Amino acid sequence: MPVNKTYEKYIHEILDEVQKLEDRDERIAYLKKEGNTFAIKSLLQLAYNDKITFDLPKGKPPFTPCPEGREPTSINKAFRNLSKFCPSSRLNRLKKEQDFIRLLEVITPTDADLLCAAKDGTLVRVNNKAYSKITKSLVEATFPNLLK
């Protein structure tokens, strides 16, 4: 019997689609439908909730991107332990940095860039790609309790 495996969209695929939409209401509807995942919400919280920070240096650390041809780790699986990078985590800073680099190496390179940008509090410009329509205001309108 064939297995019905559903395709899990990558974060950048969803955000690219949101960015393409001209109408704000369409962006909200699309983000509610396609972005209602743990990974997307975690990324948006990290980017736009001032109360959430990572105990990591600013910028993108040196890492080896997930090689082409190798299946990246499921983004929801990869993001399930993000709390270990917060200041309240018992891990020492060096271990946090090492684990963060390992995380970046098992997700798609574009999603790794997005995670680094969100860690630094923005999604507006990632690798010269503008996500100017994915603002804090849009996130608050889409997921009203997410940034509280």
C-alpha atoms as a PDB file:
ATOM      1  CA  MET A   1       0.000   0.000   0.000  1.00  0.00           C
ATOM      2  CA  PRO A   2       1.501   3.398  -0.939  1.00  0.00           C
ATOM      3  CA  VAL A   3       2.384   5.783   1.825  1.00  0.00           C
ATOM      4  CA  ASN A   4       0.760   9.199   1.624  1.00  0.00           C
ATOM      5  CA  LYS A   5       3.622  11.455   2.662  1.00  0.00           C
ATOM      6  CA  THR A   6       2.671  15.117   2.857  1.00  0.00           C
ATOM      7  CA  TYR A   7       5.172  17.700   1.706  1.00  0.00           C
ATOM      8  CA  GLU A   8       6.425  19.972   4.462  1.00  0.00           C
ATOM      9  CA  LYS A   9       7.195  23.375   3.002  1.00  0.00           C
ATOM     10  CA  TYR A  10      10.419  25.037   4.018  1.00  0.00           C
ATOM     11  CA  ILE A  11      10.220  28.313   5.922  1.00  0.00           C
ATOM     12  CA  HIS A  12      11.672  30.313   3.052  1.00  0.00           C
ATOM     13  CA  GLU A  13       9.083  28.900   0.630  1.00  0.00           C
ATOM     14  CA  ILE A  14       6.228  30.111   2.818  1.00  0.00           C
ATOM     15  CA  LEU A  15       7.794  33.526   3.456  1.00  0.00           C
ATOM     16  CA  ASP A  16       8.582  33.942  -0.271  1.00  0.00           C
ATOM     17  CA  GLU A  17       4.907  33.380  -1.075  1.00  0.00           C
ATOM     18  CA  VAL A  18       3.795  35.835   1.614  1.00  0.00           C
ATOM     19  CA  GLN A  19       6.208  38.423   0.213  1.00  0.00           C
ATOM     20  CA  LYS A  20       4.804  38.022  -3.324  1.00  0.00           C
ATOM     21  CA  LEU A  21       1.233  38.810  -2.259  1.00  0.00           C
ATOM     22  CA  GLU A  22       0.250  42.419  -2.842  1.00  0.00           C
ATOM     23  CA  ASP A  23      -2.814  42.611  -0.593  1.00  0.00           C
ATOM     24  CA  ARG A  24      -2.250  42.652   3.181  1.00  0.00           C
ATOM     25  CA  ASP A  25      -5.406  40.632   3.842  1.00  0.00           C
ATOM     26  CA  GLU A  26      -4.160  37.968   1.408  1.00  0.00           C
ATOM     27  CA  ARG A  27      -0.805  37.861   3.224  1.00  0.00           C
ATOM     28  CA  ILE A  28      -2.593  37.411   6.555  1.00  0.00           C
ATOM     29  CA  ALA A  29      -4.840  34.646   5.180  1.00  0.00           C
ATOM     30  CA  TYR A  30      -1.921  32.820   3.561  1.00  0.00           C
ATOM     31  CA  LEU A  31       0.239  33.078   6.668  1.00  0.00           C
ATOM     32  CA  LYS A  32      -2.638  31.795   8.832  1.00  0.00           C
ATOM     33  CA  LYS A  33      -3.097  28.822   6.528  1.00  0.00           C
ATOM     34  CA  GLU A  34       0.468  27.889   5.588  1.00  0.00           C
ATOM     35  CA  GLY A  35       2.428  29.477   8.419  1.00  0.00           C
ATOM     36  CA  ASN A  36       0.506  28.023  11.321  1.00  0.00           C
ATOM     37  CA  THR A  37       3.393  25.714  12.228  1.00  0.00           C
ATOM     38  CA  PHE A  38       5.710  25.523  15.194  1.00  0.00           C
ATOM     39  CA  ALA A  39       8.749  26.448  13.078  1.00  0.00           C
ATOM     40  CA  ILE A  40       7.219  29.515  11.405  1.00  0.00           C
ATOM     41  CA  LYS A  41       5.763  30.800  14.654  1.00  0.00           C
ATOM     42  CA  SER A  42       9.078  30.233  16.440  1.00  0.00           C
ATOM     43  CA  LEU A  43      10.961  32.146  13.755  1.00  0.00           C
ATOM     44  CA  LEU A  44       8.471  35.035  13.835  1.00  0.00           C
ATOM     45  CA  GLN A  45       8.612  35.178  17.633  1.00  0.00           C
ATOM     46  CA  LEU A  46      12.388  35.226  17.581  1.00  0.00           C
ATOM     47  CA  ALA A  47      12.413  38.013  14.991  1.00  0.00           C
ATOM     48  CA  TYR A  48       9.737  40.240  16.492  1.00  0.00           C
ATOM     49  CA  ASN A  49       9.235  39.468  20.194  1.00  0.00           C
ATOM     50  CA  ASP A  50      11.641  41.660  22.158  1.00  0.00           C
ATOM     51  CA  LYS A  51      11.277  39.389  25.188  1.00  0.00           C
ATOM     52  CA  ILE A  52      12.824  36.434  23.345  1.00  0.00           C
ATOM     53  CA  THR A  53      16.563  36.465  22.821  1.00  0.00           C
ATOM     54  CA  PHE A  54      19.276  33.940  22.154  1.00  0.00           C
ATOM     55  CA  ASP A  55      22.509  33.862  24.117  1.00  0.00           C
ATOM     56  CA  LEU A  56      24.524  33.878  20.902  1.00  0.00           C
ATOM     57  CA  PRO A  57      26.746  36.441  19.175  1.00  0.00           C
ATOM     58  CA  LYS A  58      25.212  38.723  16.551  1.00  0.00           C
ATOM     59  CA  GLY A  59      25.640  37.815  12.916  1.00  0.00           C
ATOM     60  CA  LYS A  60      25.891  34.591  11.010  1.00  0.00           C
ATOM     61  CA  PRO A  61      28.439  32.134  12.399  1.00  0.00           C
ATOM     62  CA  PRO A  62      30.735  30.205  10.079  1.00  0.00           C
ATOM     63  CA  PHE A  63      29.083  26.910   9.167  1.00  0.00           C
ATOM     64  CA  THR A  64      29.026  24.343   6.384  1.00  0.00           C
ATOM     65  CA  PRO A  65      25.647  24.528   4.630  1.00  0.00           C
ATOM     66  CA  CYS A  66      23.605  21.367   4.217  1.00  0.00           C
ATOM     67  CA  PRO A  67      25.009  19.858   0.993  1.00  0.00           C
ATOM     68  CA  GLU A  68      22.901  19.822  -2.129  1.00  0.00           C
ATOM     69  CA  GLY A  69      21.426  16.402  -2.682  1.00  0.00           C
ATOM     70  CA  ARG A  70      21.178  15.639   1.033  1.00  0.00           C
ATOM     71  CA  GLU A  71      17.694  15.850   2.494  1.00  0.00           C
ATOM     72  CA  PRO A  72      17.592  18.614   5.125  1.00  0.00           C
ATOM     73  CA  THR A  73      16.159  17.787   8.534  1.00  0.00           C
ATOM     74  CA  SER A  74      12.473  18.464   9.039  1.00  0.00           C
ATOM     75  CA  ILE A  75      12.257  22.103  10.073  1.00  0.00           C
ATOM     76  CA  ASN A  76       9.732  21.403  12.822  1.00  0.00           C
ATOM     77  CA  LYS A  77      12.015  18.695  14.230  1.00  0.00           C
ATOM     78  CA  ALA A  78      15.090  20.922  13.968  1.00  0.00           C
ATOM     79  CA  PHE A  79      13.359  23.808  15.752  1.00  0.00           C
ATOM     80  CA  ARG A  80      11.901  21.865  18.670  1.00  0.00           C
ATOM     81  CA  ASN A  81      14.834  22.610  20.994  1.00  0.00           C
ATOM     82  CA  LEU A  82      15.365  26.303  20.265  1.00  0.00           C
ATOM     83  CA  SER A  83      14.904  27.170  23.937  1.00  0.00           C
ATOM     84  CA  LYS A  84      18.358  25.803  24.713  1.00  0.00           C
ATOM     85  CA  PHE A  85      19.820  28.909  23.041  1.00  0.00           C
ATOM     86  CA  CYS A  86      18.046  31.291  25.439  1.00  0.00           C
ATOM     87  CA  PRO A  87      19.963  32.990  28.269  1.00  0.00           C
ATOM     88  CA  SER A  88      18.066  30.932  30.866  1.00  0.00           C
ATOM     89  CA  SER A  89      19.401  27.657  29.456  1.00  0.00           C
ATOM     90  CA  ARG A  90      21.938  25.843  31.612  1.00  0.00           C
ATOM     91  CA  LEU A  91      24.227  25.189  28.658  1.00  0.00           C
ATOM     92  CA  ASN A  92      27.415  27.210  28.606  1.00  0.00           C
ATOM     93  CA  ARG A  93      27.765  29.708  25.785  1.00  0.00           C
ATOM     94  CA  LEU A  94      30.327  27.684  23.826  1.00  0.00           C
ATOM     95  CA  LYS A  95      28.016  24.647  23.792  1.00  0.00           C
ATOM     96  CA  LYS A  96      25.112  26.872  22.667  1.00  0.00           C
ATOM     97  CA  GLU A  97      27.207  28.225  19.803  1.00  0.00           C
ATOM     98  CA  GLN A  98      28.318  24.726  18.760  1.00  0.00           C
ATOM     99  CA  ASP A  99      24.760  23.384  18.848  1.00  0.00           C
ATOM    100  CA  PHE A 100      23.473  26.395  16.906  1.00  0.00           C
ATOM    101  CA  ILE A 101      26.051  25.787  14.183  1.00  0.00           C
ATOM    102  CA  ARG A 102      25.049  22.107  14.047  1.00  0.00           C
ATOM    103  CA  LEU A 103      21.411  23.174  13.668  1.00  0.00           C
ATOM    104  CA  LEU A 104      22.277  25.525  10.794  1.00  0.00           C
ATOM    105  CA  GLU A 105      24.130  22.698   9.045  1.00  0.00           C
ATOM    106  CA  VAL A 106      21.134  20.329   8.912  1.00  0.00           C
ATOM    107  CA  ILE A 107      18.465  22.733   7.593  1.00  0.00           C
ATOM    108  CA  THR A 108      18.324  24.326   4.153  1.00  0.00           C
ATOM    109  CA  PRO A 109      20.897  27.101   3.643  1.00  0.00           C
ATOM    110  CA  THR A 110      18.123  29.658   3.047  1.00  0.00           C
ATOM    111  CA  ASP A 111      16.300  28.671   6.225  1.00  0.00           C
ATOM    112  CA  ALA A 112      19.637  28.840   8.082  1.00  0.00           C
ATOM    113  CA  ASP A 113      20.052  32.426   6.851  1.00  0.00           C
ATOM    114  CA  LEU A 114      16.509  33.233   7.986  1.00  0.00           C
ATOM    115  CA  LEU A 115      17.170  31.785  11.438  1.00  0.00           C
ATOM    116  CA  CYS A 116      20.347  33.866  11.775  1.00  0.00           C
ATOM    117  CA  ALA A 117      18.483  37.029  10.750  1.00  0.00           C
ATOM    118  CA  ALA A 118      15.606  36.284  13.143  1.00  0.00           C
ATOM    119  CA  LYS A 119      18.108  35.662  15.947  1.00  0.00           C
ATOM    120  CA  ASP A 120      19.331  39.206  15.352  1.00  0.00           C
ATOM    121  CA  GLY A 121      15.782  40.594  15.443  1.00  0.00           C
ATOM    122  CA  THR A 122      14.865  41.098  11.806  1.00  0.00           C
ATOM    123  CA  LEU A 123      13.584  39.429   8.664  1.00  0.00           C
ATOM    124  CA  VAL A 124      13.564  42.575   6.555  1.00  0.00           C
ATOM    125  CA  ARG A 125      16.754  41.744   4.680  1.00  0.00           C
ATOM    126  CA  VAL A 126      18.192  38.255   4.445  1.00  0.00           C
ATOM    127  CA  ASN A 127      21.089  37.671   2.032  1.00  0.00           C
ATOM    128  CA  ASN A 128      20.078  40.681  -0.076  1.00  0.00           C
ATOM    129  CA  LYS A 129      16.530  39.342  -0.289  1.00  0.00           C
ATOM    130  CA  ALA A 130      13.919  41.661   1.108  1.00  0.00           C
ATOM    131  CA  TYR A 131      11.094  40.363   3.262  1.00  0.00           C
ATOM    132  CA  SER A 132       9.783  43.882   3.753  1.00  0.00           C
ATOM    133  CA  LYS A 133       6.130  42.787   3.815  1.00  0.00           C
ATOM    134  CA  ILE A 134       6.658  40.387   6.713  1.00  0.00           C
ATOM    135  CA  THR A 135       6.558  42.965   9.465  1.00  0.00           C
ATOM    136  CA  LYS A 136       5.836  42.908  13.156  1.00  0.00           C
ATOM    137  CA  SER A 137       2.467  44.515  12.399  1.00  0.00           C
ATOM    138  CA  LEU A 138       1.598  41.723   9.943  1.00  0.00           C
ATOM    139  CA  VAL A 139       2.590  39.060  12.474  1.00  0.00           C
ATOM    140  CA  GLU A 140       0.473  40.716  15.190  1.00  0.00           C
ATOM    141  CA  ALA A 141      -2.520  40.870  12.842  1.00  0.00           C
ATOM    142  CA  THR A 142      -2.076  37.238  11.795  1.00  0.00           C
ATOM    143  CA  PHE A 143      -1.326  35.693  15.172  1.00  0.00           C
ATOM    144  CA  PRO A 144      -2.596  38.183  17.795  1.00  0.00           C
ATOM    145  CA  ASN A 145      -1.227  36.338  20.864  1.00  0.00           C
ATOM    146  CA  LEU A 146       2.100  35.263  19.392  1.00  0.00           C
ATOM    147  CA  LEU A 147       4.184  38.276  20.391  1.00  0.00           C
ATOM    148  CA  LYS A 148       2.652  38.899  23.831  1.00  0.00           C
END
